[in-house]
Structure formats: structure tokens, C-alpha cells
Amino acid sequence: MTGLPSKYPLALALSLAPLVAFGNGLRLPSQDAFATGRGEAFVATADNPSAVYYNPAGLTQLTNTEMRAGIYGLYYDPTYQPPKGAPNAGNTYSIKKQFAAAPQFFSAANSRRCR
């Protein structure tokens, strides 16, 4: 009986190894200007490419290939002051890059027209 190929133990070791992940989670609820104007009540009539976010079943209402793009301009101003008694008390910490951009792009196609 032969043993496992040499790539399997390596794959197992890599899949079980803890990895460092730096997440910068940010929720941007407004993915479509029309939906925002309706108070985000867009689920029932999601009939444009942003339906990918609101209600993927709404993509069946599309009749053509459609694309939609946008960008959010974000301004961050977090600061931190350690409490009194801490070794670094009296210092103020902040970030240097206060501006960021979060792009969005939606594309959807009617599968009946793609045949």
C-alpha cells in the first residue's frame, strides 16, 4: 500500500494553519440612488444591476445587459487617547490617510438574450 502523495500533507497543513487576516469591514448600505430615495425599500422592485445587492431574484426582470458603477468618498478621523495611568498616557494617536474610496460596480445580463 502506498502512502499519500506528498502534496496532500502540505495541503492539509496549510489549510489548518492559522492565517493573519486584516479586515477593515465597512457597511455601505446605499448601493443605488433610486433605492436610497425610497428609503432602501427596493427589494420588491429590484430591476437594475444593483439587484445583486438588494434582491438577486430581481435580476430576472432585466431585459438587456446593464452596468452600473459608482464610488464612495470616505473620510476617516479616528483618534485615540490612552486613559490616565497608562504608560503612554498623554499621547494622542490618529491615522495619516484620512481619505479613502470604495468603488462599486454591478453588471447583469439577461441569460435569454445571451444565447
N, C-alpha and C. Protein backbone atom coordinates (compact mmCIF):
# COMPACT_ATOMS: atom_id res chain seq x y z
N MET A 1 0.85 -1.19 0.00
CA MET A 1 0.00 0.00 0.00
C MET A 1 0.89 1.24 0.00
N THR A 2 0.61 2.14 -0.87
CA THR A 2 1.41 3.36 -0.95
C THR A 2 0.80 4.42 -0.05
N GLY A 3 1.64 5.33 0.40
CA GLY A 3 1.18 6.43 1.25
C GLY A 3 0.53 7.53 0.44
N LEU A 4 0.12 8.55 1.11
CA LEU A 4 -0.48 9.70 0.44
C LEU A 4 0.56 10.41 -0.41
N PRO A 5 0.16 10.95 -1.53
CA PRO A 5 1.10 11.76 -2.30
C PRO A 5 1.61 12.92 -1.44
N SER A 6 2.79 13.36 -1.74
CA SER A 6 3.45 14.37 -0.90
C SER A 6 2.71 15.70 -0.85
N LYS A 7 1.86 16.00 -1.83
CA LYS A 7 1.16 17.29 -1.81
C LYS A 7 -0.01 17.32 -0.83
N TYR A 8 -0.56 16.16 -0.47
CA TYR A 8 -1.70 16.14 0.44
C TYR A 8 -1.34 16.57 1.87
N PRO A 9 -0.24 16.09 2.46
CA PRO A 9 0.10 16.58 3.81
C PRO A 9 0.37 18.08 3.82
N LEU A 10 0.99 18.57 2.77
CA LEU A 10 1.25 20.01 2.69
C LEU A 10 -0.05 20.79 2.60
N ALA A 11 -0.98 20.33 1.78
CA ALA A 11 -2.28 21.00 1.66
C ALA A 11 -3.04 20.95 2.98
N LEU A 12 -2.97 19.82 3.68
CA LEU A 12 -3.63 19.70 4.97
C LEU A 12 -3.01 20.65 5.99
N ALA A 13 -1.69 20.72 6.01
CA ALA A 13 -1.01 21.62 6.96
C ALA A 13 -1.37 23.08 6.68
N LEU A 14 -1.40 23.47 5.41
CA LEU A 14 -1.73 24.85 5.07
C LEU A 14 -3.19 25.19 5.38
N SER A 15 -4.08 24.23 5.22
CA SER A 15 -5.49 24.51 5.49
C SER A 15 -5.79 24.60 6.97
N LEU A 16 -4.95 23.98 7.80
CA LEU A 16 -5.16 24.03 9.25
C LEU A 16 -4.34 25.12 9.93
N ALA A 17 -3.41 25.70 9.23
CA ALA A 17 -2.55 26.73 9.81
C ALA A 17 -3.34 28.02 9.99
N PRO A 18 -3.18 28.69 11.12
CA PRO A 18 -3.87 29.98 11.29
C PRO A 18 -3.25 31.03 10.37
N LEU A 19 -4.09 31.79 9.77
CA LEU A 19 -3.63 32.83 8.86
C LEU A 19 -3.98 34.19 9.45
N VAL A 20 -3.19 35.16 9.16
CA VAL A 20 -3.45 36.52 9.61
C VAL A 20 -4.36 37.19 8.59
N ALA A 21 -5.43 37.75 9.05
CA ALA A 21 -6.34 38.46 8.16
C ALA A 21 -6.62 39.84 8.76
N PHE A 22 -6.32 40.85 8.02
CA PHE A 22 -6.57 42.21 8.46
C PHE A 22 -7.86 42.68 7.80
N GLY A 23 -8.93 42.64 8.53
CA GLY A 23 -10.21 43.05 7.99
C GLY A 23 -10.50 44.50 8.31
N ASN A 24 -11.00 45.21 7.37
CA ASN A 24 -11.42 46.58 7.57
C ASN A 24 -12.86 46.65 7.11
N GLY A 25 -13.70 45.98 7.85
CA GLY A 25 -15.10 45.88 7.46
C GLY A 25 -15.80 47.23 7.47
N LEU A 26 -16.62 47.43 6.49
CA LEU A 26 -17.34 48.68 6.36
C LEU A 26 -18.63 48.39 5.62
N ARG A 27 -19.73 48.75 6.20
CA ARG A 27 -21.02 48.51 5.54
C ARG A 27 -21.46 49.79 4.85
N LEU A 28 -21.68 49.69 3.57
CA LEU A 28 -22.19 50.80 2.78
C LEU A 28 -23.57 50.41 2.29
N PRO A 29 -24.61 50.77 3.03
CA PRO A 29 -25.94 50.27 2.69
C PRO A 29 -26.54 50.87 1.42
N SER A 30 -26.14 52.03 1.03
CA SER A 30 -26.73 52.68 -0.13
C SER A 30 -25.99 52.29 -1.39
N GLN A 31 -26.50 51.29 -2.11
CA GLN A 31 -25.85 50.80 -3.31
C GLN A 31 -26.50 51.35 -4.58
N ASP A 32 -27.60 52.07 -4.44
CA ASP A 32 -28.32 52.56 -5.60
C ASP A 32 -29.06 53.84 -5.20
N ALA A 33 -28.93 54.89 -5.99
CA ALA A 33 -29.56 56.17 -5.65
C ALA A 33 -31.08 56.05 -5.62
N PHE A 34 -31.65 55.30 -6.56
CA PHE A 34 -33.11 55.13 -6.59
C PHE A 34 -33.59 54.41 -5.33
N ALA A 35 -32.86 53.38 -4.92
CA ALA A 35 -33.23 52.65 -3.72
C ALA A 35 -33.08 53.51 -2.48
N THR A 36 -32.05 54.34 -2.44
CA THR A 36 -31.87 55.23 -1.30
C THR A 36 -33.00 56.23 -1.22
N GLY A 37 -33.43 56.73 -2.36
CA GLY A 37 -34.55 57.67 -2.39
C GLY A 37 -35.85 57.05 -1.91
N ARG A 38 -35.95 55.75 -1.98
CA ARG A 38 -37.15 55.05 -1.50
C ARG A 38 -36.94 54.50 -0.10
N GLY A 39 -35.93 54.96 0.59
CA GLY A 39 -35.68 54.50 1.95
C GLY A 39 -35.21 53.06 1.99
N GLU A 40 -34.44 52.66 0.99
CA GLU A 40 -33.92 51.30 0.84
C GLU A 40 -35.02 50.25 0.65
N ALA A 41 -36.25 50.68 0.39
CA ALA A 41 -37.35 49.76 0.12
C ALA A 41 -37.35 49.43 -1.37
N PHE A 42 -36.41 48.62 -1.77
CA PHE A 42 -36.18 48.36 -3.19
C PHE A 42 -36.23 46.86 -3.50
N VAL A 43 -36.42 46.05 -2.49
CA VAL A 43 -36.36 44.60 -2.67
C VAL A 43 -37.40 44.11 -3.66
N ALA A 44 -38.63 44.59 -3.56
CA ALA A 44 -39.70 44.09 -4.43
C ALA A 44 -39.56 44.55 -5.87
N THR A 45 -38.93 45.70 -6.10
CA THR A 45 -38.83 46.21 -7.46
C THR A 45 -37.39 46.28 -7.94
N ALA A 46 -36.53 45.46 -7.41
CA ALA A 46 -35.12 45.48 -7.81
C ALA A 46 -35.02 45.07 -9.28
N ASP A 47 -34.95 46.08 -10.14
CA ASP A 47 -34.98 45.82 -11.58
C ASP A 47 -33.81 46.48 -12.32
N ASN A 48 -32.69 46.61 -11.65
CA ASN A 48 -31.48 47.10 -12.28
C ASN A 48 -30.30 46.30 -11.72
N PRO A 49 -29.10 46.51 -12.21
CA PRO A 49 -27.98 45.68 -11.76
C PRO A 49 -27.73 45.70 -10.26
N SER A 50 -28.15 46.73 -9.56
CA SER A 50 -27.94 46.73 -8.11
C SER A 50 -28.82 45.71 -7.40
N ALA A 51 -29.66 45.02 -8.13
CA ALA A 51 -30.45 43.93 -7.55
C ALA A 51 -29.54 42.83 -7.01
N VAL A 52 -28.30 42.78 -7.49
CA VAL A 52 -27.33 41.82 -6.95
C VAL A 52 -27.21 42.03 -5.44
N TYR A 53 -27.28 43.27 -4.99
CA TYR A 53 -27.17 43.60 -3.56
C TYR A 53 -28.52 43.47 -2.85
N TYR A 54 -29.57 44.00 -3.43
CA TYR A 54 -30.87 44.09 -2.75
C TYR A 54 -31.69 42.80 -2.83
N ASN A 55 -31.79 42.23 -4.02
CA ASN A 55 -32.62 41.04 -4.21
C ASN A 55 -32.19 40.38 -5.52
N PRO A 56 -31.31 39.39 -5.45
CA PRO A 56 -30.82 38.77 -6.69
C PRO A 56 -31.93 38.20 -7.58
N ALA A 57 -33.07 37.84 -7.00
CA ALA A 57 -34.17 37.33 -7.83
C ALA A 57 -34.70 38.41 -8.76
N GLY A 58 -34.49 39.66 -8.43
CA GLY A 58 -34.93 40.76 -9.29
C GLY A 58 -34.16 40.84 -10.60
N LEU A 59 -33.05 40.15 -10.68
CA LEU A 59 -32.28 40.16 -11.93
C LEU A 59 -33.06 39.53 -13.08
N THR A 60 -34.05 38.72 -12.77
CA THR A 60 -34.85 38.10 -13.83
C THR A 60 -35.71 39.13 -14.55
N GLN A 61 -35.88 40.31 -13.99
CA GLN A 61 -36.69 41.36 -14.61
C GLN A 61 -35.92 42.15 -15.67
N LEU A 62 -34.62 41.95 -15.74
CA LEU A 62 -33.81 42.69 -16.71
C LEU A 62 -34.04 42.16 -18.11
N THR A 63 -34.08 43.05 -19.07
CA THR A 63 -34.30 42.64 -20.45
C THR A 63 -33.05 42.78 -21.30
N ASN A 64 -32.07 43.50 -20.84
CA ASN A 64 -30.82 43.72 -21.59
C ASN A 64 -29.63 43.53 -20.66
N THR A 65 -28.46 43.69 -21.22
CA THR A 65 -27.25 43.74 -20.40
C THR A 65 -27.13 45.15 -19.85
N GLU A 66 -26.97 45.25 -18.54
CA GLU A 66 -26.90 46.56 -17.89
C GLU A 66 -25.70 46.61 -16.97
N MET A 67 -25.12 47.79 -16.83
CA MET A 67 -24.00 48.02 -15.93
C MET A 67 -24.25 49.28 -15.13
N ARG A 68 -23.74 49.28 -13.94
CA ARG A 68 -23.87 50.44 -13.07
C ARG A 68 -22.60 50.54 -12.23
N ALA A 69 -22.06 51.72 -12.10
CA ALA A 69 -20.84 51.93 -11.32
C ALA A 69 -20.98 53.17 -10.46
N GLY A 70 -20.22 53.20 -9.41
CA GLY A 70 -20.22 54.35 -8.52
C GLY A 70 -19.00 54.31 -7.63
N ILE A 71 -18.83 55.36 -6.87
CA ILE A 71 -17.70 55.42 -5.94
C ILE A 71 -18.12 56.22 -4.71
N TYR A 72 -17.73 55.74 -3.58
CA TYR A 72 -17.97 56.44 -2.32
C TYR A 72 -16.68 57.14 -1.92
N GLY A 73 -16.78 58.38 -1.54
CA GLY A 73 -15.66 59.09 -0.94
C GLY A 73 -15.82 59.00 0.56
N LEU A 74 -14.83 58.47 1.23
CA LEU A 74 -14.90 58.26 2.67
C LEU A 74 -13.87 59.12 3.38
N TYR A 75 -14.27 59.67 4.51
CA TYR A 75 -13.36 60.47 5.34
C TYR A 75 -13.32 59.85 6.72
N TYR A 76 -12.14 59.47 7.14
CA TYR A 76 -11.95 58.88 8.47
C TYR A 76 -11.22 59.87 9.35
N ASP A 77 -11.65 59.97 10.59
CA ASP A 77 -10.94 60.81 11.56
C ASP A 77 -10.96 60.15 12.94
N PRO A 78 -10.42 58.93 13.03
CA PRO A 78 -10.38 58.30 14.35
C PRO A 78 -9.18 58.78 15.15
N THR A 79 -9.38 59.04 16.40
CA THR A 79 -8.28 59.38 17.31
C THR A 79 -8.44 58.55 18.58
N TYR A 80 -7.33 58.34 19.25
CA TYR A 80 -7.34 57.57 20.49
C TYR A 80 -6.41 58.22 21.49
N GLN A 81 -6.91 58.39 22.70
CA GLN A 81 -6.10 58.89 23.81
C GLN A 81 -6.14 57.84 24.91
N PRO A 82 -4.98 57.29 25.28
CA PRO A 82 -4.95 56.29 26.33
C PRO A 82 -5.45 56.86 27.67
N PRO A 83 -6.02 56.02 28.52
CA PRO A 83 -6.52 56.50 29.80
C PRO A 83 -5.37 56.92 30.72
N LYS A 84 -5.70 57.74 31.71
CA LYS A 84 -4.70 58.17 32.68
C LYS A 84 -4.18 56.94 33.42
N GLY A 85 -2.90 56.96 33.70
CA GLY A 85 -2.28 55.83 34.38
C GLY A 85 -1.67 54.82 33.42
N ALA A 86 -2.00 54.90 32.16
CA ALA A 86 -1.40 54.01 31.16
C ALA A 86 0.02 54.50 30.86
N PRO A 87 0.92 53.59 30.48
CA PRO A 87 2.30 54.02 30.20
C PRO A 87 2.41 55.07 29.10
N ASN A 88 1.49 55.10 28.19
CA ASN A 88 1.55 56.08 27.10
C ASN A 88 0.48 57.16 27.25
N ALA A 89 0.04 57.41 28.47
CA ALA A 89 -0.97 58.45 28.73
C ALA A 89 -0.44 59.81 28.28
N GLY A 90 -1.33 60.63 27.79
CA GLY A 90 -0.95 61.94 27.32
C GLY A 90 -0.68 61.99 25.82
N ASN A 91 -0.52 60.84 25.20
CA ASN A 91 -0.33 60.78 23.76
C ASN A 91 -1.67 60.71 23.06
N THR A 92 -1.71 61.23 21.86
CA THR A 92 -2.90 61.12 21.01
C THR A 92 -2.49 60.43 19.72
N TYR A 93 -3.24 59.40 19.35
CA TYR A 93 -2.94 58.62 18.16
C TYR A 93 -4.02 58.86 17.11
N SER A 94 -3.59 58.99 15.87
CA SER A 94 -4.54 59.18 14.77
C SER A 94 -3.94 58.55 13.52
N ILE A 95 -4.71 58.55 12.45
CA ILE A 95 -4.23 57.99 11.19
C ILE A 95 -3.77 59.11 10.26
N LYS A 96 -2.89 58.76 9.32
CA LYS A 96 -2.38 59.76 8.38
C LYS A 96 -3.26 59.88 7.15
N LYS A 97 -3.71 58.74 6.63
CA LYS A 97 -4.54 58.75 5.42
C LYS A 97 -6.00 58.79 5.85
N GLN A 98 -6.60 59.96 5.78
CA GLN A 98 -7.97 60.12 6.23
C GLN A 98 -8.99 59.98 5.11
N PHE A 99 -8.53 59.97 3.88
CA PHE A 99 -9.45 59.85 2.76
C PHE A 99 -9.31 58.48 2.11
N ALA A 100 -10.43 57.91 1.73
CA ALA A 100 -10.42 56.61 1.06
C ALA A 100 -11.56 56.58 0.04
N ALA A 101 -11.48 55.64 -0.88
CA ALA A 101 -12.52 55.48 -1.88
C ALA A 101 -12.97 54.03 -1.88
N ALA A 102 -14.25 53.84 -1.99
CA ALA A 102 -14.83 52.49 -2.07
C ALA A 102 -15.62 52.40 -3.37
N PRO A 103 -15.04 51.79 -4.40
CA PRO A 103 -15.76 51.69 -5.67
C PRO A 103 -16.80 50.59 -5.64
N GLN A 104 -17.77 50.73 -6.51
CA GLN A 104 -18.78 49.68 -6.68
C GLN A 104 -19.07 49.53 -8.16
N PHE A 105 -19.32 48.31 -8.57
CA PHE A 105 -19.61 48.02 -9.97
C PHE A 105 -20.57 46.85 -10.03
N PHE A 106 -21.67 47.03 -10.71
CA PHE A 106 -22.66 45.98 -10.90
C PHE A 106 -22.84 45.76 -12.40
N SER A 107 -22.92 44.51 -12.79
CA SER A 107 -23.19 44.16 -14.17
C SER A 107 -24.13 42.98 -14.17
N ALA A 108 -25.13 43.04 -15.01
CA ALA A 108 -26.09 41.95 -15.10
C ALA A 108 -26.54 41.79 -16.54
N ALA A 109 -26.79 40.55 -16.92
CA ALA A 109 -27.22 40.26 -18.28
C ALA A 109 -28.38 39.29 -18.24
N ASN A 110 -29.29 39.46 -19.16
CA ASN A 110 -30.42 38.55 -19.29
C ASN A 110 -29.92 37.31 -20.02
N SER A 111 -30.02 36.16 -19.38
CA SER A 111 -29.46 34.94 -19.98
C SER A 111 -30.21 34.52 -21.24
N ARG A 112 -31.44 34.90 -21.39
CA ARG A 112 -32.19 34.55 -22.61
C ARG A 112 -31.63 35.28 -23.82
N ARG A 113 -31.10 36.46 -23.64
CA ARG A 113 -30.56 37.24 -24.76
C ARG A 113 -29.13 36.85 -25.07
N CYS A 114 -28.47 36.13 -24.18
CA CYS A 114 -27.07 35.76 -24.38
C CYS A 114 -26.90 34.50 -25.23
N ARG A 115 -27.96 33.85 -25.56
CA ARG A 115 -27.87 32.59 -26.33
C ARG A 115 -27.60 32.84 -27.78
